[in-house]
């Protein structure tokens, strides 16, 4: 198959080139018009041809006991495909002991066989009191060179001790493992002393709890080095702090991820009658923090979604914020939403950056000979009216929003999974072992 007459994104620029692929790989890239024999030719005139997008942060089949997130791998991957995402990275369920790792990995691999896009995993730990070196060793041997820690959620025994946090950091420097962290200050959240209502929810996990915790753990990285990836950063003030105090570590020892919801939605939604639909952790922030986030977009390395939708009934079941399942669905609209705000400078945050940071490069994240033939054909001028999604949830936080720019087709390893906005996948995704 070949993609011809498109504006091909390579090395941060666009080129009028034709791309040829076979056996799931990119085989040739030639100047547009240099026609080579090919079975199927796809005309991409006036379209952008981009590398397949990578979402480094999703939660699929997340079981919270009373609630389970709406999307299984079939539903999540279908939504992902309509959003141009050809690879996503989910999390193993948090473990506290090394001997739990194998069971968690097998469980996730079984579930993920239904995926239409390629997938990888992060190991996740709770209040871990076992051998850090051994866990990282077996995780890396399984193709998972990343471990997620929490500095909060002591009520569910997920909070890591600072002593163990430092052990993980020290090991990451030696083994080139990436330590992911959900950074909120647990003590500030416990002592927030606000009403358990939807209107007060943001105050129960205040912006200061993120900003202060990020400052604390960044200080540990400055001292111990290692490799730290801060997930779902919500506050522009957090990004400013890192850029002002730890600039020399950014892109080397510290990486910043944010999510489309923090650029498009604010905490004012919690005052509405359907405010519970927008509950997630960490919460939506003030418009002031949102503006600061936008101003500092160049400092942010990746955009993940933290995709974790629930149904309307589940989100509206209780009036107490603490009882409501936290999470939103963003997979399908992530790139269009962010491209609408920032244009083409957002592309690397969906492609090259996550591929390099999460050890998927050069297989993923780039258009070059030898890489996987993963592509997004994107129409930059077509208007996308967001109504229902292809997720299995009936709850879409971006409903009625309008963006300029639409994912028209998505190709995974040389085969269309979405073609001209129709789902046409024939095969399934692969588990990607990362080195």
Protein backbone atom coordinates (compact mmCIF):
# COMPACT_ATOMS: atom_id res chain seq x y z
CA UNK A 1 0.00 0.00 0.00
CA UNK A 2 1.11 3.58 -0.61
CA UNK A 3 0.04 6.98 0.71
CA UNK A 4 0.50 9.62 -1.98
CA UNK A 5 0.18 13.41 -2.36
CA UNK A 6 0.01 14.07 1.37
CA UNK A 7 1.97 16.45 3.62
CA UNK A 8 4.14 13.97 5.49
CA UNK A 9 5.33 14.91 8.98
CA UNK A 10 8.98 14.02 9.54
CA UNK A 11 11.70 15.59 11.68
CA UNK A 12 9.38 18.35 12.83
CA UNK A 13 8.53 19.49 9.28
CA UNK A 14 6.13 18.62 6.47
CA UNK A 15 7.27 17.22 3.13
CA UNK A 16 5.34 16.46 -0.07
CA UNK A 17 6.23 12.77 -0.17
CA UNK A 18 4.79 9.37 -0.98
CA UNK A 19 5.11 6.50 1.48
CA UNK A 20 5.26 2.81 0.58
CA UNK A 21 4.75 -0.03 3.01
CA UNK A 22 4.71 -3.82 3.07
CA UNK A 23 4.95 -6.56 5.70
CA UNK A 24 3.72 -4.10 8.36
CA UNK A 25 6.73 -1.78 7.91
CA UNK A 26 7.54 1.43 6.04
CA UNK A 27 9.68 0.40 3.07
CA UNK A 28 10.20 3.57 1.02
CA UNK A 29 9.68 7.32 1.26
CA UNK A 30 10.06 9.18 -2.05
CA UNK A 31 9.30 12.67 -3.37
CA UNK A 32 5.66 13.06 -4.35
CA UNK A 33 5.04 12.01 -7.95
CA UNK A 34 7.82 9.44 -8.13
CA UNK A 35 5.35 6.61 -8.75
CA UNK A 36 6.35 3.04 -7.84
CA UNK A 37 4.37 -0.17 -8.47
CA UNK A 38 1.82 -0.74 -5.69
CA UNK A 39 -1.37 -2.78 -5.17
CA UNK A 40 -3.32 -0.09 -3.29
CA UNK A 41 -2.81 3.67 -3.62
CA UNK A 42 -4.41 6.06 -1.10
CA UNK A 43 -4.65 9.70 -2.20
CA UNK A 44 -3.92 12.07 0.70
CA UNK A 45 -4.19 15.38 -1.17
CA UNK A 46 -4.68 18.30 1.27
CA UNK A 47 -4.26 15.95 4.23
CA UNK A 48 -1.56 15.65 6.88
CA UNK A 49 0.10 12.23 7.12
CA UNK A 50 1.23 11.80 10.72
CA UNK A 51 2.82 8.96 12.72
CA UNK A 52 0.27 6.85 14.61
CA UNK A 53 -0.47 8.46 17.98
CA UNK A 54 0.66 6.95 21.28
CA UNK A 55 -1.41 7.35 24.43
CA UNK A 56 0.93 6.61 27.35
CA UNK A 57 -1.78 6.64 30.02
CA UNK A 58 -5.06 4.70 29.88
CA UNK A 59 -7.10 2.67 32.35
CA UNK A 60 -9.05 -0.18 30.76
CA UNK A 61 -11.25 -2.63 32.69
CA UNK A 62 -10.39 -0.75 35.89
CA UNK A 63 -12.19 -2.56 38.72
CA UNK A 64 -13.06 -0.37 41.72
CA UNK A 65 -15.30 -2.92 43.43
CA UNK A 66 -18.75 -1.34 43.18
CA UNK A 67 -17.78 0.17 39.82
CA UNK A 68 -15.85 -0.99 36.79
CA UNK A 69 -14.76 1.42 34.05
CA UNK A 70 -17.03 1.25 31.01
CA UNK A 71 -14.47 0.32 28.38
CA UNK A 72 -13.00 -3.12 27.90
CA UNK A 73 -10.19 -3.46 25.36
CA UNK A 74 -12.55 -3.84 22.44
CA UNK A 75 -14.42 -0.61 23.22
CA UNK A 76 -11.37 1.41 24.27
CA UNK A 77 -9.35 0.40 21.23
CA UNK A 78 -12.20 1.23 18.88
CA UNK A 79 -12.47 4.72 20.38
CA UNK A 80 -8.67 5.00 20.21
CA UNK A 81 -8.65 4.10 16.51
CA UNK A 82 -11.16 6.85 15.71
CA UNK A 83 -8.83 9.24 17.53
CA UNK A 84 -5.74 8.18 15.57
CA UNK A 85 -4.22 6.28 18.49
CA UNK A 86 -2.42 3.16 17.25
CA UNK A 87 -0.69 2.27 20.54
CA UNK A 88 -1.74 2.79 24.14
CA UNK A 89 -0.16 1.89 27.47
CA UNK A 90 -2.34 0.55 30.29
CA UNK A 91 -1.42 -0.29 33.90
CA UNK A 92 -1.22 -3.58 35.71
CA UNK A 93 -3.31 -3.59 38.87
CA UNK A 94 -1.23 -2.22 41.79
CA UNK A 95 0.80 -4.84 43.65
CA UNK A 96 2.42 -4.77 47.09
CA UNK A 97 4.63 -7.86 46.70
CA UNK A 98 6.87 -9.11 43.90
CA UNK A 99 5.14 -12.50 43.76
CA UNK A 100 1.91 -10.80 42.60
CA UNK A 101 3.48 -9.52 39.37
CA UNK A 102 3.05 -12.59 37.15
CA UNK A 103 -0.65 -12.98 37.91
CA UNK A 104 -1.32 -9.30 37.20
CA UNK A 105 0.55 -9.41 33.89
CA UNK A 106 -1.23 -12.60 32.74
CA UNK A 107 -4.61 -11.07 33.63
CA UNK A 108 -3.94 -7.94 31.57
CA UNK A 109 -2.58 -9.87 28.60
CA UNK A 110 -5.74 -12.01 28.54
CA UNK A 111 -7.97 -8.94 28.56
CA UNK A 112 -5.90 -7.08 25.96
CA UNK A 113 -6.25 -9.81 23.30
CA UNK A 114 -9.49 -8.05 22.28
CA UNK A 115 -7.66 -4.81 21.40
CA UNK A 116 -7.71 -3.50 17.84
CA UNK A 117 -4.63 -1.33 18.47
CA UNK A 118 -1.18 -2.20 19.79
CA UNK A 119 -0.69 -2.07 23.54
CA UNK A 120 1.91 -2.10 26.28
CA UNK A 121 1.80 -1.94 30.07
CA UNK A 122 3.23 -0.10 33.05
CA UNK A 123 3.77 -2.01 36.29
CA UNK A 124 1.97 -0.33 39.20
CA UNK A 125 2.61 -0.68 42.92
CA UNK A 126 0.75 0.30 46.05
CA UNK A 127 2.22 0.47 49.54
CA UNK A 128 5.13 -1.65 48.34
CA UNK A 129 7.33 -3.21 51.02
CA UNK A 130 9.19 -5.81 48.97
CA UNK A 131 12.42 -5.97 46.96
CA UNK A 132 12.55 -3.00 44.55
CA UNK A 133 15.48 -4.37 42.54
CA UNK A 134 13.77 -7.71 42.01
CA UNK A 135 10.48 -6.15 40.91
CA UNK A 136 12.18 -3.90 38.38
CA UNK A 137 14.25 -6.83 37.11
CA UNK A 138 11.26 -9.07 36.40
CA UNK A 139 9.22 -6.15 35.05
CA UNK A 140 11.98 -5.26 32.57
CA UNK A 141 12.42 -8.91 31.58
CA UNK A 142 8.69 -8.91 30.74
CA UNK A 143 9.07 -5.91 28.43
CA UNK A 144 7.86 -3.33 30.97
CA UNK A 145 10.62 -0.80 31.78
CA UNK A 146 8.29 1.49 33.78
CA UNK A 147 6.75 1.43 37.26
CA UNK A 148 3.99 3.68 38.61
CA UNK A 149 3.93 4.93 42.20
CA UNK A 150 1.33 6.93 44.15
CA UNK A 151 2.10 9.58 46.77
CA UNK A 152 -1.55 9.56 47.86
CA UNK A 153 -4.47 7.13 48.38
CA UNK A 154 -3.28 5.92 51.79
CA UNK A 155 -6.95 5.09 52.49
CA UNK A 156 -6.76 2.29 49.91
CA UNK A 157 -3.18 1.28 50.81
CA UNK A 158 -1.78 2.57 47.52
CA UNK A 159 0.50 5.29 48.91
CA UNK A 160 4.22 4.50 48.60
CA UNK A 161 6.50 5.45 51.49
CA UNK A 162 9.07 8.13 50.72
CA UNK A 163 11.84 5.69 51.65
CA UNK A 164 10.62 3.23 49.01
CA UNK A 165 10.06 6.07 46.55
CA UNK A 166 13.74 6.94 46.88
CA UNK A 167 14.71 3.29 46.38
CA UNK A 168 12.78 3.23 43.10
CA UNK A 169 14.43 6.49 42.01
CA UNK A 170 17.93 5.23 42.77
CA UNK A 171 17.30 1.99 40.87
CA UNK A 172 15.86 3.88 37.88
CA UNK A 173 19.14 5.70 37.42
CA UNK A 174 21.07 2.43 37.31
CA UNK A 175 18.67 0.45 35.12
CA UNK A 176 17.21 3.23 32.92
CA UNK A 177 13.73 2.37 34.22
CA UNK A 178 11.07 5.08 34.11
CA UNK A 179 9.33 5.84 37.41
CA UNK A 180 5.82 7.19 36.89
CA UNK A 181 4.26 9.11 39.77
CA UNK A 182 0.77 10.26 40.64
CA UNK A 183 1.85 13.33 42.63
CA UNK A 184 -0.55 14.71 45.24
CA UNK A 185 0.25 15.37 48.89
CA UNK A 186 -1.65 12.79 50.92
CA UNK A 187 -1.54 14.69 54.20
CA UNK A 188 -3.03 17.83 52.64
CA UNK A 189 -5.86 15.77 51.15
CA UNK A 190 -6.57 13.96 54.43
CA UNK A 191 -6.62 17.27 56.32
CA UNK A 192 -8.53 19.28 53.71
CA UNK A 193 -11.59 19.34 55.97
CA UNK A 194 -14.19 20.26 53.36
CA UNK A 195 -17.71 18.99 52.79
CA UNK A 196 -18.04 15.73 50.87
CA UNK A 197 -19.92 17.37 48.02
CA UNK A 198 -19.39 17.69 44.29
CA UNK A 199 -19.18 21.49 44.59
CA UNK A 200 -16.35 21.19 47.14
CA UNK A 201 -14.51 18.36 45.39
CA UNK A 202 -11.66 20.42 43.92
CA UNK A 203 -10.97 21.92 47.35
CA UNK A 204 -10.67 18.40 48.78
CA UNK A 205 -7.70 17.73 46.48
CA UNK A 206 -6.44 21.32 46.12
CA UNK A 207 -4.00 22.61 43.54
CA UNK A 208 -1.47 23.16 46.33
CA UNK A 209 -1.43 19.41 47.04
CA UNK A 210 -0.10 18.79 43.54
CA UNK A 211 2.25 21.79 43.37
CA UNK A 212 3.90 21.12 46.75
CA UNK A 213 4.23 17.38 46.14
CA UNK A 214 5.81 17.91 42.74
CA UNK A 215 8.30 20.33 44.29
CA UNK A 216 9.14 17.77 46.96
CA UNK A 217 9.74 14.84 44.61
CA UNK A 218 11.58 16.99 42.06
CA UNK A 219 13.98 17.83 44.88
CA UNK A 220 14.55 14.10 45.39
CA UNK A 221 15.34 13.69 41.69
CA UNK A 222 17.79 16.60 41.86
CA UNK A 223 19.58 14.80 44.69
CA UNK A 224 19.32 11.17 43.58
CA UNK A 225 18.92 11.57 39.80
CA UNK A 226 16.98 8.67 38.27
CA UNK A 227 14.16 9.04 35.71
CA UNK A 228 10.79 10.46 36.81
CA UNK A 229 7.63 10.88 34.71
CA UNK A 230 4.90 12.93 36.38
CA UNK A 231 1.48 11.79 35.12
CA UNK A 232 -1.62 13.95 34.53
CA UNK A 233 -0.22 17.30 35.68
CA UNK A 234 -3.22 19.58 36.22
CA UNK A 235 -1.73 22.94 37.21
CA UNK A 236 0.18 25.42 35.13
CA UNK A 237 1.84 26.47 38.40
CA UNK A 238 3.33 22.96 38.71
CA UNK A 239 4.85 23.24 35.23
CA UNK A 240 6.14 26.76 35.95
CA UNK A 241 7.77 25.58 39.15
CA UNK A 242 9.57 22.74 37.40
CA UNK A 243 10.68 25.01 34.58
CA UNK A 244 11.96 27.68 36.97
CA UNK A 245 13.66 25.49 39.59
CA UNK A 246 14.57 22.27 37.74
CA UNK A 247 14.92 23.30 34.10
CA UNK A 248 18.22 21.41 33.72
CA UNK A 249 16.46 18.15 34.66
CA UNK A 250 13.51 18.52 32.27
CA UNK A 251 13.68 16.14 29.33
CA UNK A 252 16.57 14.25 30.97
CA UNK A 253 15.53 13.17 34.46
CA UNK A 254 12.02 14.63 34.72
CA UNK A 255 9.24 14.33 32.14
CA UNK A 256 5.82 16.02 32.31
CA UNK A 257 2.53 14.58 31.06
CA UNK A 258 -0.79 16.41 30.96
CA UNK A 259 -4.24 15.57 29.59
CA UNK A 260 -6.77 17.26 27.29
CA UNK A 261 -9.37 17.62 30.05
CA UNK A 262 -7.16 20.04 31.97
CA UNK A 263 -6.89 22.29 28.89
CA UNK A 264 -10.59 22.24 27.97
CA UNK A 265 -12.59 21.85 31.19
CA UNK A 266 -12.47 23.75 34.51
CA UNK A 267 -13.64 23.23 38.07
CA UNK A 268 -16.62 25.55 37.41
CA UNK A 269 -18.35 22.46 36.00
CA UNK A 270 -18.62 21.09 39.54
CA UNK A 271 -21.19 23.80 40.31
CA UNK A 272 -23.57 22.48 37.63
CA UNK A 273 -26.36 19.96 38.26
CA UNK A 274 -24.44 17.35 36.27
CA UNK A 275 -21.10 18.25 37.91
CA UNK A 276 -20.56 14.67 39.06
CA UNK A 277 -20.01 13.62 35.43
CA UNK A 278 -16.72 15.53 35.49
CA UNK A 279 -15.23 14.10 38.67
CA UNK A 280 -11.74 12.70 38.23
CA UNK A 281 -8.55 12.57 40.27
CA UNK A 282 -6.73 14.90 40.30
CA UNK A 283 -9.65 17.30 39.79
CA UNK A 284 -10.27 19.91 37.13
CA UNK A 285 -8.68 23.23 38.12
CA UNK A 286 -9.41 26.95 37.95
CA UNK A 287 -9.39 28.86 34.68
CA UNK A 288 -6.27 30.66 36.01
CA UNK A 289 -4.36 27.37 36.34
CA UNK A 290 -5.68 26.30 32.95
CA UNK A 291 -4.38 29.46 31.29
CA UNK A 292 -0.97 28.90 32.89
CA UNK A 293 -1.01 25.34 31.59
CA UNK A 294 -1.66 26.60 28.07
CA UNK A 295 1.09 29.21 28.38
CA UNK A 296 3.54 26.46 29.34
CA UNK A 297 2.57 23.89 26.70
CA UNK A 298 6.12 23.93 25.27
CA UNK A 299 7.46 22.62 28.60
CA UNK A 300 5.09 19.62 28.64
CA UNK A 301 6.52 16.49 27.00
CA UNK A 302 3.50 14.26 26.38
CA UNK A 303 -0.29 14.25 26.25
CA UNK A 304 -1.98 11.20 27.73
CA UNK A 305 -5.69 10.87 28.36
CA UNK A 306 -5.97 9.03 31.70
CA UNK A 307 -8.93 7.45 29.87
CA UNK A 308 -11.28 5.92 32.46
CA UNK A 309 -14.97 6.48 31.65
CA UNK A 310 -18.03 5.41 33.61
CA UNK A 311 -21.72 5.53 32.73
CA UNK A 312 -23.99 8.47 33.55
CA UNK A 313 -25.96 6.37 36.01
CA UNK A 314 -22.78 5.41 37.86
CA UNK A 315 -21.49 8.99 37.96
CA UNK A 316 -24.87 10.31 39.21
CA UNK A 317 -25.60 7.51 41.70
CA UNK A 318 -24.39 9.37 44.81
CA UNK A 319 -24.35 12.96 46.04
CA UNK A 320 -21.17 12.43 48.09
CA UNK A 321 -18.11 13.08 45.94
CA UNK A 322 -16.11 10.40 47.74
CA UNK A 323 -18.53 7.68 46.57
CA UNK A 324 -18.55 8.65 42.89
CA UNK A 325 -16.16 6.79 40.53
CA UNK A 326 -13.44 9.14 39.29
CA UNK A 327 -12.51 9.29 35.62
CA UNK A 328 -13.37 10.62 32.16
CA UNK A 329 -13.12 9.26 28.63
CA UNK A 330 -10.85 11.18 26.24
CA UNK A 331 -9.29 8.67 23.85
CA UNK A 332 -11.28 9.46 20.74
CA UNK A 333 -11.00 13.25 20.81
CA UNK A 334 -7.63 13.88 22.45
CA UNK A 335 -5.64 14.89 19.38
CA UNK A 336 -8.39 16.95 17.74
CA UNK A 337 -8.97 18.84 21.01
CA UNK A 338 -5.28 19.62 21.48
CA UNK A 339 -4.58 20.38 17.81
CA UNK A 340 -7.49 22.81 17.88
CA UNK A 341 -5.68 24.77 20.64
CA UNK A 342 -2.06 24.46 19.59
CA UNK A 343 -1.90 23.42 15.94
CA UNK A 344 0.97 21.33 14.60
CA UNK A 345 3.30 22.02 17.52
CA UNK A 346 1.30 19.46 19.51
CA UNK A 347 2.18 16.57 17.14
CA UNK A 348 5.44 15.48 18.80
CA UNK A 349 3.65 15.23 22.17
CA UNK A 350 1.49 12.46 20.66
CA UNK A 351 4.20 10.74 18.63
CA UNK A 352 7.95 11.17 18.93
CA UNK A 353 8.10 12.22 22.59
CA UNK A 354 6.03 9.36 24.07
CA UNK A 355 7.79 6.90 21.74
CA UNK A 356 11.22 7.95 23.00
CA UNK A 357 10.30 8.40 26.67
CA UNK A 358 8.41 5.09 26.87
CA UNK A 359 10.91 3.03 24.84
CA UNK A 360 8.73 2.50 21.76
CA UNK A 361 11.13 4.34 19.44
CA UNK A 362 12.02 3.77 16.59
CA UNK A 363 9.36 1.09 16.14
CA UNK A 364 6.67 3.67 16.87
CA UNK A 365 6.30 7.44 16.88
CA UNK A 366 8.13 8.30 13.66
CA UNK A 367 7.74 8.02 9.90
CA UNK A 368 10.96 6.48 8.62
CA UNK A 369 11.98 3.39 6.68
CA UNK A 370 11.95 0.34 8.94
CA UNK A 371 9.46 1.70 11.47
CA UNK A 372 5.97 0.23 11.91
CA UNK A 373 3.57 1.44 9.20
CA UNK A 374 1.35 3.28 11.70
CA UNK A 375 -0.28 6.41 10.29
CA UNK A 376 -2.96 9.00 10.90
CA UNK A 377 -4.50 10.77 7.90
CA UNK A 378 -5.65 14.06 9.38
CA UNK A 379 -7.77 16.75 7.75
CA UNK A 380 -6.63 20.02 9.40
CA UNK A 381 -9.56 22.13 8.16
CA UNK A 382 -12.53 19.80 8.52
CA UNK A 383 -14.80 20.71 11.43
CA UNK A 384 -15.47 18.00 14.01
CA UNK A 385 -18.71 18.33 15.97
CA UNK A 386 -18.33 16.13 19.03
CA UNK A 387 -21.49 14.27 19.89
CA UNK A 388 -21.46 10.58 20.79
CA UNK A 389 -18.23 8.61 20.93
CA UNK A 390 -17.28 5.04 20.07
CA UNK A 391 -16.49 4.29 23.72
CA UNK A 392 -18.79 1.89 25.56
CA UNK A 393 -19.68 4.67 28.00
CA UNK A 394 -22.76 6.82 27.43
CA UNK A 395 -20.93 9.73 29.06
CA UNK A 396 -18.80 12.02 26.88
CA UNK A 397 -17.29 15.06 28.68
CA UNK A 398 -16.71 16.94 25.40
CA UNK A 399 -20.25 16.61 24.06
CA UNK A 400 -21.32 19.56 21.87
CA UNK A 401 -17.78 20.91 21.54
CA UNK A 402 -16.55 21.84 18.05
CA UNK A 403 -12.94 21.51 16.90
CA UNK A 404 -11.19 22.33 13.65
CA UNK A 405 -9.32 19.24 12.49
CA UNK A 406 -10.49 15.65 12.17
CA UNK A 407 -8.84 12.24 12.14
CA UNK A 408 -10.05 10.79 8.86
CA UNK A 409 -8.26 7.43 8.74
CA UNK A 410 -5.99 5.37 11.00
CA UNK A 411 -3.54 2.72 9.80
CA UNK A 412 -1.92 0.14 12.08
CA UNK A 413 1.06 -1.80 10.74
CA UNK A 414 0.00 -1.21 7.14
CA UNK A 415 -3.73 -2.01 7.53
CA UNK A 416 -6.61 0.41 7.90
CA UNK A 417 -8.46 0.17 11.19
CA UNK A 418 -10.49 3.32 10.47
CA UNK A 419 -10.95 4.41 6.85
CA UNK A 420 -12.82 7.58 5.93
CA UNK A 421 -14.43 7.61 9.41
CA UNK A 422 -15.62 3.99 9.14
CA UNK A 423 -14.34 1.20 11.37
CA UNK A 424 -12.80 -1.48 9.14
CA UNK A 425 -10.35 -3.37 11.40
CA UNK A 426 -9.82 -7.01 10.46
CA UNK A 427 -7.01 -7.97 12.80
CA UNK A 428 -6.03 -7.36 16.41
CA UNK A 429 -3.33 -5.35 18.13
CA UNK A 430 -0.05 -6.78 19.41
CA UNK A 431 1.59 -6.62 22.81
CA UNK A 432 4.67 -4.42 22.44
CA UNK A 433 7.61 -5.39 24.61
CA UNK A 434 9.63 -2.32 25.50
CA UNK A 435 13.37 -2.52 26.16
